[in-house]
Amino acid sequence: MFTQKLGLNTNRCNACQKLCVLSAYYITNTNGKYRYLPVIDNKVRTRSTDTKGNVHPLRRPYATVHDAINAAKQLSRQCKDFKDIRTPRPPKSDLNYDRCVGCKHRCMVSSQKIQGVFIPKIGTQLIKAYINRFGETERPNTFYTDFKAKMDALRIAKMCDNYLIKR
């Protein structure tokens, strides 16, 4: 049952009920180049806290939006309300390329051939677009083999709201 209604495995913090949005804020440096700062719940973060509780400024702004969002994901773990709601990764002893193993639904991954190309499919849902882990809407690649489309479906399944979430 692939769903992205809540966007849990995208650019949101999954640690509490607030579901803070993680993003990036751009600034211009002295050379005129854009740099990016991590943003959590519409608040720009310029400081981090270490394990001993000491506050440190960020060393420098990040070069790309994706780097800043990844930094925001790391900084969100320092929130006082952070509680990890993910289950441990499933064991890799049996490789199963036909089902997603991220939740109890164990959706079948497959593909469907449309006009000579294979489109990824999760459960009964044909994946025409999805939200990636940075909050951007993407279209899946087109494939000429069933196996590659199934592998892409497994990759996309990791962005489902139900993937590795304790419920």
Protein backbone atom coordinates (compact mmCIF):
# COMPACT_ATOMS: atom_id res chain seq x y z
CA MET A 1 0.00 0.00 0.00
CA PHE A 2 2.27 2.75 -1.32
CA THR A 3 1.29 6.19 -0.08
CA GLN A 4 2.99 9.55 0.29
CA LYS A 5 0.09 11.53 1.74
CA LEU A 6 2.05 12.52 4.86
CA GLY A 7 5.46 12.66 3.17
CA LEU A 8 7.15 10.91 6.09
CA ASN A 9 10.16 9.54 4.21
CA THR A 10 10.68 12.67 2.16
CA ASN A 11 11.84 16.07 3.46
CA ARG A 12 10.01 15.89 6.78
CA CYS A 13 11.29 15.08 10.23
CA ASN A 14 9.55 11.91 11.44
CA ALA A 15 10.50 12.20 15.10
CA CYS A 16 7.34 13.69 16.60
CA GLN A 17 3.79 14.68 15.75
CA LYS A 18 4.83 18.13 14.44
CA LEU A 19 6.33 16.63 11.22
CA CYS A 20 8.62 19.62 10.65
CA VAL A 21 9.50 20.41 7.06
CA LEU A 22 13.23 20.37 6.28
CA SER A 23 14.43 22.75 3.60
CA ALA A 24 17.20 25.18 2.68
CA TYR A 25 17.58 28.98 2.72
CA TYR A 26 19.86 30.57 0.17
CA ILE A 27 22.31 33.36 0.84
CA THR A 28 24.83 35.06 -1.45
CA ASN A 29 28.49 34.99 -0.47
CA THR A 30 31.04 37.69 -1.28
CA ASN A 31 31.80 36.12 -4.69
CA GLY A 32 28.15 36.34 -5.71
CA LYS A 33 27.63 32.57 -5.48
CA TYR A 34 24.61 31.06 -3.78
CA ARG A 35 25.16 29.08 -0.62
CA TYR A 36 22.54 27.35 1.49
CA LEU A 37 21.72 27.06 5.18
CA PRO A 38 19.62 24.26 6.73
CA VAL A 39 16.03 25.13 7.69
CA ILE A 40 13.83 23.20 10.14
CA ASP A 41 10.19 24.22 10.46
CA ASN A 42 10.80 27.60 8.74
CA LYS A 43 13.67 28.44 11.12
CA VAL A 44 17.17 28.84 9.71
CA ARG A 45 19.73 26.85 11.71
CA THR A 46 23.21 28.27 12.05
CA ARG A 47 24.26 26.38 15.19
CA SER A 48 24.50 22.78 16.26
CA THR A 49 24.77 21.09 19.64
CA ASP A 50 27.24 18.30 20.37
CA THR A 51 26.61 15.28 22.62
CA LYS A 52 27.84 17.21 25.70
CA GLY A 53 25.36 20.06 25.13
CA ASN A 54 27.90 22.58 23.83
CA VAL A 55 26.63 24.89 21.07
CA HIS A 56 28.80 25.36 17.97
CA PRO A 57 28.24 27.54 14.89
CA LEU A 58 28.07 25.80 11.52
CA ARG A 59 31.46 25.88 9.83
CA ARG A 60 30.23 27.27 6.53
CA PRO A 61 27.10 27.40 4.37
CA TYR A 62 26.48 24.42 2.08
CA ALA A 63 27.11 24.42 -1.67
CA THR A 64 23.87 22.69 -2.71
CA VAL A 65 20.27 22.59 -1.57
CA HIS A 66 20.49 18.82 -1.07
CA ASP A 67 23.53 19.17 1.21
CA ALA A 68 21.67 21.72 3.33
CA ILE A 69 18.59 19.47 3.59
CA ASN A 70 20.80 16.54 4.62
CA ALA A 71 22.34 18.78 7.29
CA ALA A 72 18.84 19.75 8.46
CA LYS A 73 18.05 16.03 8.82
CA GLN A 74 21.09 15.62 11.06
CA LEU A 75 20.28 18.76 13.05
CA SER A 76 16.69 17.59 13.59
CA ARG A 77 18.07 14.69 15.63
CA GLN A 78 19.21 17.29 18.23
CA CYS A 79 15.63 18.45 18.88
CA LYS A 80 14.39 17.87 22.43
CA ASP A 81 11.25 16.18 21.06
CA PHE A 82 13.19 13.79 18.81
CA LYS A 83 12.11 10.18 19.25
CA ASP A 84 13.14 7.68 16.60
CA ILE A 85 9.98 6.03 15.24
CA ARG A 86 11.72 3.78 12.75
CA THR A 87 12.13 0.05 13.19
CA PRO A 88 15.53 -1.54 12.64
CA ARG A 89 16.31 -2.50 9.06
CA PRO A 90 14.96 -5.92 8.10
CA PRO A 91 17.57 -8.69 7.89
CA LYS A 92 19.23 -9.10 4.51
CA SER A 93 19.57 -12.87 4.74
CA ASP A 94 16.94 -13.55 2.09
CA LEU A 95 17.00 -11.19 -0.85
CA ASN A 96 13.50 -10.76 -2.17
CA TYR A 97 13.20 -8.67 -5.30
CA ASP A 98 9.44 -9.21 -5.60
CA ARG A 99 8.24 -7.56 -2.39
CA CYS A 100 8.98 -4.49 -0.34
CA VAL A 101 9.96 -5.50 3.21
CA GLY A 102 9.67 -2.04 4.81
CA CYS A 103 6.33 -2.62 6.56
CA LYS A 104 3.73 -5.24 7.35
CA HIS A 105 1.91 -4.77 4.02
CA ARG A 106 4.83 -6.33 2.05
CA CYS A 107 3.68 -4.79 -1.23
CA MET A 108 4.47 -6.62 -4.44
CA VAL A 109 6.87 -4.69 -6.69
CA SER A 110 6.59 -5.20 -10.40
CA SER A 111 6.36 -3.26 -13.62
CA GLN A 112 3.92 -2.75 -16.41
CA LYS A 113 4.84 -2.51 -20.07
CA ILE A 114 3.29 0.53 -21.73
CA GLN A 115 4.16 1.43 -25.32
CA GLY A 116 7.38 -0.59 -25.28
CA VAL A 117 8.80 0.69 -21.96
CA PHE A 118 8.43 -0.66 -18.43
CA ILE A 119 6.98 1.57 -15.71
CA PRO A 120 7.57 0.71 -11.99
CA LYS A 121 4.57 -0.58 -10.05
CA ILE A 122 4.11 -0.97 -6.27
CA GLY A 123 1.17 -3.10 -5.23
CA THR A 124 -1.58 -2.20 -7.68
CA GLN A 125 -0.36 1.38 -8.10
CA LEU A 126 1.53 2.39 -11.24
CA ILE A 127 4.17 4.94 -10.21
CA LYS A 128 3.91 7.89 -12.59
CA ALA A 129 5.31 10.44 -10.11
CA TYR A 130 6.59 10.41 -6.52
CA ILE A 131 8.16 12.74 -3.96
CA ASN A 132 11.88 12.15 -3.41
CA ARG A 133 13.68 12.50 -0.09
CA PHE A 134 14.29 16.23 -0.72
CA GLY A 135 10.60 17.02 -1.23
CA GLU A 136 10.85 17.32 -5.01
CA THR A 137 8.34 15.66 -7.32
CA GLU A 138 10.04 13.27 -9.73
CA ARG A 139 8.96 10.98 -12.49
CA PRO A 140 10.47 7.50 -12.53
CA ASN A 141 12.88 6.65 -15.30
CA THR A 142 11.69 4.63 -18.26
CA PHE A 143 13.23 1.19 -18.59
CA TYR A 144 13.50 -1.35 -21.36
CA THR A 145 13.75 -4.34 -19.04
CA ASP A 146 11.36 -5.61 -16.40
CA PHE A 147 14.15 -6.21 -13.84
CA LYS A 148 15.44 -2.61 -13.90
CA ALA A 149 11.91 -1.25 -13.49
CA LYS A 150 11.39 -3.56 -10.48
CA MET A 151 14.65 -2.34 -8.91
CA ASP A 152 13.48 1.24 -9.36
CA ALA A 153 10.15 0.31 -7.74
CA LEU A 154 12.07 -1.05 -4.71
CA ARG A 155 14.01 2.23 -4.50
CA ILE A 156 10.82 4.30 -4.71
CA ALA A 157 9.10 2.09 -2.11
CA LYS A 158 11.59 3.39 0.49
CA MET A 159 9.85 6.78 0.25
CA CYS A 160 6.45 5.37 1.25
CA ASP A 161 4.88 6.74 4.44
CA ASN A 162 4.76 3.21 5.87
CA TYR A 163 8.41 2.29 5.24
CA LEU A 164 10.17 1.34 8.52
CA ILE A 165 7.73 3.31 10.68
CA LYS A 166 6.60 1.89 14.03
CA ARG A 167 2.80 1.91 14.04
